[in-house]
């Protein structure tokens, strides 16, 4: 699975202008079952996305369709990791991760 770190590379006014398109894009990824969690960083310097396991090439292709990336408003950093444990409160998440 992956942690995707988005770092704003444009003023917040530009980020916010494209935010509705980015949110629609996120919704499609959730509906397709690719993303597990997403949200803003604090302070608001970018975003974070936690994905289900997938081939890295697939993730790269998905991220290339993000309106923020297409318009060069963010830089994307990807961290791949293998989840081996989760807290009891998110055991269902562990099932989803382990069955990929």
N, C-alpha and C. Protein backbone atom coordinates (compact mmCIF):
# COMPACT_ATOMS: atom_id res chain seq x y z
N UNK A 1 0.84 -1.18 0.00
CA UNK A 1 0.00 0.00 0.00
C UNK A 1 0.88 1.23 0.00
N UNK A 2 0.26 2.38 -0.19
CA UNK A 2 1.03 3.60 -0.34
C UNK A 2 0.47 4.73 0.51
N UNK A 3 1.36 5.59 0.94
CA UNK A 3 1.00 6.90 1.47
C UNK A 3 1.43 7.89 0.41
N UNK A 4 0.49 8.70 -0.04
CA UNK A 4 0.79 9.73 -1.04
C UNK A 4 0.76 11.07 -0.32
N UNK A 5 1.85 11.78 -0.39
CA UNK A 5 1.94 13.11 0.21
C UNK A 5 1.90 14.14 -0.91
N UNK A 6 0.90 15.00 -0.87
CA UNK A 6 0.77 16.08 -1.84
C UNK A 6 1.26 17.37 -1.18
N UNK A 7 2.17 18.06 -1.83
CA UNK A 7 2.72 19.30 -1.32
C UNK A 7 2.29 20.43 -2.25
N UNK A 8 1.57 21.41 -1.70
CA UNK A 8 1.12 22.53 -2.52
C UNK A 8 2.32 23.26 -3.10
N UNK A 9 2.23 23.54 -4.40
CA UNK A 9 3.29 24.23 -5.13
C UNK A 9 2.73 25.48 -5.79
N UNK A 10 1.58 25.93 -5.26
CA UNK A 10 0.89 27.11 -5.80
C UNK A 10 0.18 27.80 -4.64
N UNK A 11 -0.20 29.05 -4.80
CA UNK A 11 -0.93 29.75 -3.75
C UNK A 11 -2.27 29.06 -3.44
N UNK A 12 -2.72 29.18 -2.19
CA UNK A 12 -3.97 28.54 -1.79
C UNK A 12 -5.16 28.97 -2.65
N UNK A 13 -5.14 30.18 -3.17
CA UNK A 13 -6.23 30.64 -4.04
C UNK A 13 -6.36 29.73 -5.26
N UNK A 14 -5.23 29.35 -5.84
CA UNK A 14 -5.25 28.46 -7.00
C UNK A 14 -5.65 27.04 -6.59
N UNK A 15 -5.14 26.58 -5.46
CA UNK A 15 -5.49 25.26 -4.94
C UNK A 15 -7.00 25.19 -4.73
N UNK A 16 -7.55 26.21 -4.06
CA UNK A 16 -8.99 26.22 -3.75
C UNK A 16 -9.85 26.32 -5.01
N UNK A 17 -9.36 27.01 -6.03
CA UNK A 17 -10.12 27.14 -7.26
C UNK A 17 -10.34 25.78 -7.93
N UNK A 18 -9.35 24.91 -7.83
CA UNK A 18 -9.42 23.58 -8.46
C UNK A 18 -9.91 22.51 -7.48
N UNK A 19 -10.12 22.90 -6.22
CA UNK A 19 -10.52 21.95 -5.18
C UNK A 19 -11.78 21.15 -5.53
N UNK A 20 -12.84 21.75 -6.09
CA UNK A 20 -14.01 20.94 -6.44
C UNK A 20 -13.69 19.82 -7.44
N UNK A 21 -12.82 20.10 -8.40
CA UNK A 21 -12.42 19.06 -9.36
C UNK A 21 -11.59 17.98 -8.68
N UNK A 22 -10.71 18.39 -7.77
CA UNK A 22 -9.90 17.43 -7.02
C UNK A 22 -10.80 16.54 -6.17
N UNK A 23 -11.79 17.13 -5.51
CA UNK A 23 -12.71 16.33 -4.67
C UNK A 23 -13.52 15.35 -5.51
N UNK A 24 -13.95 15.76 -6.68
CA UNK A 24 -14.68 14.84 -7.58
C UNK A 24 -13.76 13.69 -8.00
N UNK A 25 -12.50 14.01 -8.28
CA UNK A 25 -11.52 12.98 -8.63
C UNK A 25 -11.33 12.01 -7.47
N UNK A 26 -11.19 12.54 -6.25
CA UNK A 26 -11.07 11.68 -5.06
C UNK A 26 -12.26 10.74 -4.94
N UNK A 27 -13.44 11.28 -5.12
CA UNK A 27 -14.67 10.47 -5.00
C UNK A 27 -14.63 9.29 -5.97
N UNK A 28 -14.18 9.52 -7.17
CA UNK A 28 -14.07 8.42 -8.16
C UNK A 28 -13.10 7.35 -7.68
N UNK A 29 -12.01 7.76 -7.06
CA UNK A 29 -11.03 6.79 -6.58
C UNK A 29 -11.58 5.98 -5.40
N UNK A 30 -12.35 6.63 -4.54
CA UNK A 30 -13.01 5.90 -3.43
C UNK A 30 -14.04 4.91 -3.99
N UNK A 31 -14.84 5.37 -4.94
CA UNK A 31 -15.85 4.49 -5.54
C UNK A 31 -15.21 3.28 -6.22
N UNK A 32 -14.04 3.47 -6.80
CA UNK A 32 -13.33 2.37 -7.46
C UNK A 32 -12.62 1.46 -6.45
N UNK A 33 -12.57 1.90 -5.19
CA UNK A 33 -11.95 1.08 -4.15
C UNK A 33 -10.45 1.25 -4.01
N UNK A 34 -9.88 2.30 -4.60
CA UNK A 34 -8.44 2.49 -4.57
C UNK A 34 -7.93 3.18 -3.30
N UNK A 35 -8.73 4.12 -2.77
CA UNK A 35 -8.27 4.93 -1.64
C UNK A 35 -8.99 4.51 -0.37
N UNK A 36 -8.28 4.64 0.77
CA UNK A 36 -8.83 4.27 2.07
C UNK A 36 -9.10 5.51 2.92
N UNK A 37 -8.15 6.45 2.93
CA UNK A 37 -8.24 7.66 3.75
C UNK A 37 -7.58 8.80 2.99
N UNK A 38 -8.12 10.00 3.16
CA UNK A 38 -7.45 11.19 2.60
C UNK A 38 -7.81 12.40 3.43
N UNK A 39 -6.99 13.44 3.33
CA UNK A 39 -7.28 14.67 4.05
C UNK A 39 -6.15 15.67 3.93
N UNK A 40 -6.39 16.84 4.53
CA UNK A 40 -5.42 17.94 4.50
C UNK A 40 -4.34 17.72 5.55
N UNK A 41 -3.16 18.21 5.24
CA UNK A 41 -2.10 18.27 6.24
C UNK A 41 -2.38 19.48 7.14
N UNK A 42 -1.88 19.42 8.37
CA UNK A 42 -1.95 20.56 9.29
C UNK A 42 -0.53 20.92 9.67
N UNK A 43 -0.08 22.13 9.40
CA UNK A 43 -0.80 23.21 8.75
C UNK A 43 -1.09 22.87 7.29
N UNK A 44 -1.94 23.65 6.68
CA UNK A 44 -2.43 23.36 5.32
C UNK A 44 -1.36 23.65 4.27
N UNK A 45 -0.48 22.67 4.12
CA UNK A 45 0.60 22.76 3.13
C UNK A 45 0.46 21.70 2.06
N UNK A 46 -0.58 20.88 2.16
CA UNK A 46 -0.77 19.80 1.19
C UNK A 46 -1.78 18.80 1.71
N UNK A 47 -1.75 17.60 1.14
CA UNK A 47 -2.69 16.57 1.52
C UNK A 47 -2.01 15.22 1.67
N UNK A 48 -2.78 14.27 2.20
CA UNK A 48 -2.30 12.91 2.41
C UNK A 48 -3.36 11.94 1.91
N UNK A 49 -2.94 10.90 1.22
CA UNK A 49 -3.84 9.86 0.74
C UNK A 49 -3.24 8.51 1.15
N UNK A 50 -4.05 7.65 1.73
CA UNK A 50 -3.66 6.28 2.03
C UNK A 50 -4.40 5.38 1.05
N UNK A 51 -3.65 4.56 0.32
CA UNK A 51 -4.26 3.73 -0.73
C UNK A 51 -4.28 2.27 -0.33
N UNK A 52 -5.10 1.53 -1.03
CA UNK A 52 -5.06 0.07 -0.92
C UNK A 52 -3.84 -0.41 -1.70
N UNK A 53 -3.42 -1.65 -1.47
CA UNK A 53 -2.31 -2.19 -2.27
C UNK A 53 -2.67 -2.23 -3.76
N UNK A 54 -1.70 -1.88 -4.58
CA UNK A 54 -1.86 -1.92 -6.04
C UNK A 54 -0.47 -1.83 -6.63
N UNK A 55 -0.31 -2.18 -7.88
CA UNK A 55 1.00 -1.99 -8.52
C UNK A 55 1.36 -0.50 -8.56
N UNK A 56 2.63 -0.20 -8.40
CA UNK A 56 3.08 1.20 -8.39
C UNK A 56 2.71 1.90 -9.69
N UNK A 57 2.81 1.22 -10.81
CA UNK A 57 2.44 1.83 -12.08
C UNK A 57 0.99 2.25 -12.13
N UNK A 58 0.12 1.46 -11.52
CA UNK A 58 -1.30 1.82 -11.47
C UNK A 58 -1.49 3.08 -10.65
N UNK A 59 -0.81 3.15 -9.49
CA UNK A 59 -0.92 4.35 -8.66
C UNK A 59 -0.41 5.57 -9.43
N UNK A 60 0.72 5.44 -10.08
CA UNK A 60 1.27 6.56 -10.85
C UNK A 60 0.28 7.03 -11.92
N UNK A 61 -0.37 6.07 -12.59
CA UNK A 61 -1.36 6.42 -13.61
C UNK A 61 -2.56 7.12 -12.99
N UNK A 62 -3.02 6.65 -11.83
CA UNK A 62 -4.15 7.30 -11.15
C UNK A 62 -3.79 8.73 -10.74
N UNK A 63 -2.61 8.87 -10.14
CA UNK A 63 -2.22 10.19 -9.67
C UNK A 63 -2.06 11.18 -10.82
N UNK A 64 -1.67 10.70 -11.97
CA UNK A 64 -1.51 11.57 -13.15
C UNK A 64 -2.85 12.16 -13.59
N UNK A 65 -3.96 11.59 -13.14
CA UNK A 65 -5.28 12.10 -13.52
C UNK A 65 -5.84 13.10 -12.50
N UNK A 66 -5.13 13.31 -11.39
CA UNK A 66 -5.58 14.29 -10.38
C UNK A 66 -5.49 15.69 -10.99
N UNK A 67 -6.57 16.46 -10.96
CA UNK A 67 -6.54 17.81 -11.53
C UNK A 67 -5.43 18.70 -10.95
N UNK A 68 -5.13 18.54 -9.67
CA UNK A 68 -4.05 19.34 -9.08
C UNK A 68 -2.71 19.01 -9.72
N UNK A 69 -2.49 17.73 -9.98
CA UNK A 69 -1.23 17.32 -10.60
C UNK A 69 -1.20 17.73 -12.07
N UNK A 70 -2.33 17.54 -12.75
CA UNK A 70 -2.40 17.92 -14.16
C UNK A 70 -2.11 19.41 -14.36
N UNK A 71 -2.56 20.23 -13.41
CA UNK A 71 -2.35 21.67 -13.52
C UNK A 71 -1.07 22.13 -12.82
N UNK A 72 -0.26 21.15 -12.37
CA UNK A 72 1.03 21.44 -11.74
C UNK A 72 0.89 22.35 -10.51
N UNK A 73 -0.16 22.10 -9.72
CA UNK A 73 -0.38 22.87 -8.50
C UNK A 73 0.23 22.20 -7.27
N UNK A 74 0.52 20.89 -7.39
CA UNK A 74 1.09 20.14 -6.27
C UNK A 74 2.25 19.29 -6.76
N UNK A 75 3.11 18.95 -5.83
CA UNK A 75 4.14 17.94 -6.07
C UNK A 75 3.72 16.72 -5.27
N UNK A 76 4.02 15.56 -5.80
CA UNK A 76 3.57 14.31 -5.24
C UNK A 76 4.75 13.48 -4.75
N UNK A 77 4.70 13.03 -3.51
CA UNK A 77 5.70 12.13 -2.95
C UNK A 77 4.98 10.84 -2.57
N UNK A 78 5.51 9.69 -2.96
CA UNK A 78 4.87 8.41 -2.70
C UNK A 78 5.77 7.57 -1.79
N UNK A 79 5.17 7.04 -0.72
CA UNK A 79 5.87 6.16 0.20
C UNK A 79 5.15 4.81 0.15
N UNK A 80 5.87 3.77 -0.25
CA UNK A 80 5.28 2.43 -0.27
C UNK A 80 5.61 1.73 1.04
N UNK A 81 4.62 1.00 1.59
CA UNK A 81 4.88 0.22 2.79
C UNK A 81 3.94 -0.97 2.83
N UNK A 82 4.31 -1.93 3.64
CA UNK A 82 3.50 -3.13 3.83
C UNK A 82 2.91 -3.07 5.23
N UNK A 83 1.59 -2.96 5.32
CA UNK A 83 0.92 -2.92 6.62
C UNK A 83 0.88 -4.33 7.20
N UNK A 84 1.42 -4.48 8.39
CA UNK A 84 1.41 -5.78 9.04
C UNK A 84 0.57 -5.79 10.31
N UNK A 85 0.25 -4.61 10.85
CA UNK A 85 -0.58 -4.52 12.05
C UNK A 85 -1.48 -3.30 11.96
N UNK A 86 -2.63 -3.40 12.61
CA UNK A 86 -3.52 -2.26 12.78
C UNK A 86 -4.10 -2.30 14.18
N UNK A 87 -4.60 -1.19 14.65
CA UNK A 87 -5.29 -1.14 15.94
C UNK A 87 -6.60 -1.91 15.84
N UNK A 88 -7.08 -2.38 16.99
CA UNK A 88 -8.32 -3.17 17.02
C UNK A 88 -9.49 -2.39 16.41
N UNK A 89 -9.50 -1.07 16.62
CA UNK A 89 -10.62 -0.25 16.12
C UNK A 89 -10.71 -0.26 14.60
N UNK A 90 -9.64 -0.58 13.93
CA UNK A 90 -9.65 -0.59 12.47
C UNK A 90 -9.31 -1.99 11.93
N UNK A 91 -9.70 -3.00 12.67
CA UNK A 91 -9.42 -4.38 12.24
C UNK A 91 -10.02 -4.66 10.86
N UNK A 92 -11.18 -4.09 10.58
CA UNK A 92 -11.78 -4.28 9.26
C UNK A 92 -10.88 -3.71 8.17
N UNK A 93 -10.18 -2.63 8.48
CA UNK A 93 -9.23 -2.05 7.53
C UNK A 93 -8.09 -3.04 7.30
N UNK A 94 -7.62 -3.68 8.36
CA UNK A 94 -6.55 -4.66 8.22
C UNK A 94 -6.98 -5.77 7.29
N UNK A 95 -8.20 -6.23 7.42
CA UNK A 95 -8.73 -7.28 6.52
C UNK A 95 -8.67 -6.80 5.07
N UNK A 96 -9.11 -5.57 4.84
CA UNK A 96 -9.12 -5.03 3.48
C UNK A 96 -7.70 -4.91 2.94
N UNK A 97 -6.77 -4.51 3.79
CA UNK A 97 -5.39 -4.32 3.35
C UNK A 97 -4.75 -5.67 3.05
N UNK A 98 -4.93 -6.62 3.94
CA UNK A 98 -4.26 -7.90 3.77
C UNK A 98 -4.82 -8.70 2.60
N UNK A 99 -6.11 -8.49 2.26
CA UNK A 99 -6.68 -9.20 1.13
C UNK A 99 -6.48 -8.43 -0.17
N UNK A 100 -6.03 -7.17 -0.05
CA UNK A 100 -5.67 -6.34 -1.18
C UNK A 100 -6.68 -6.29 -2.24
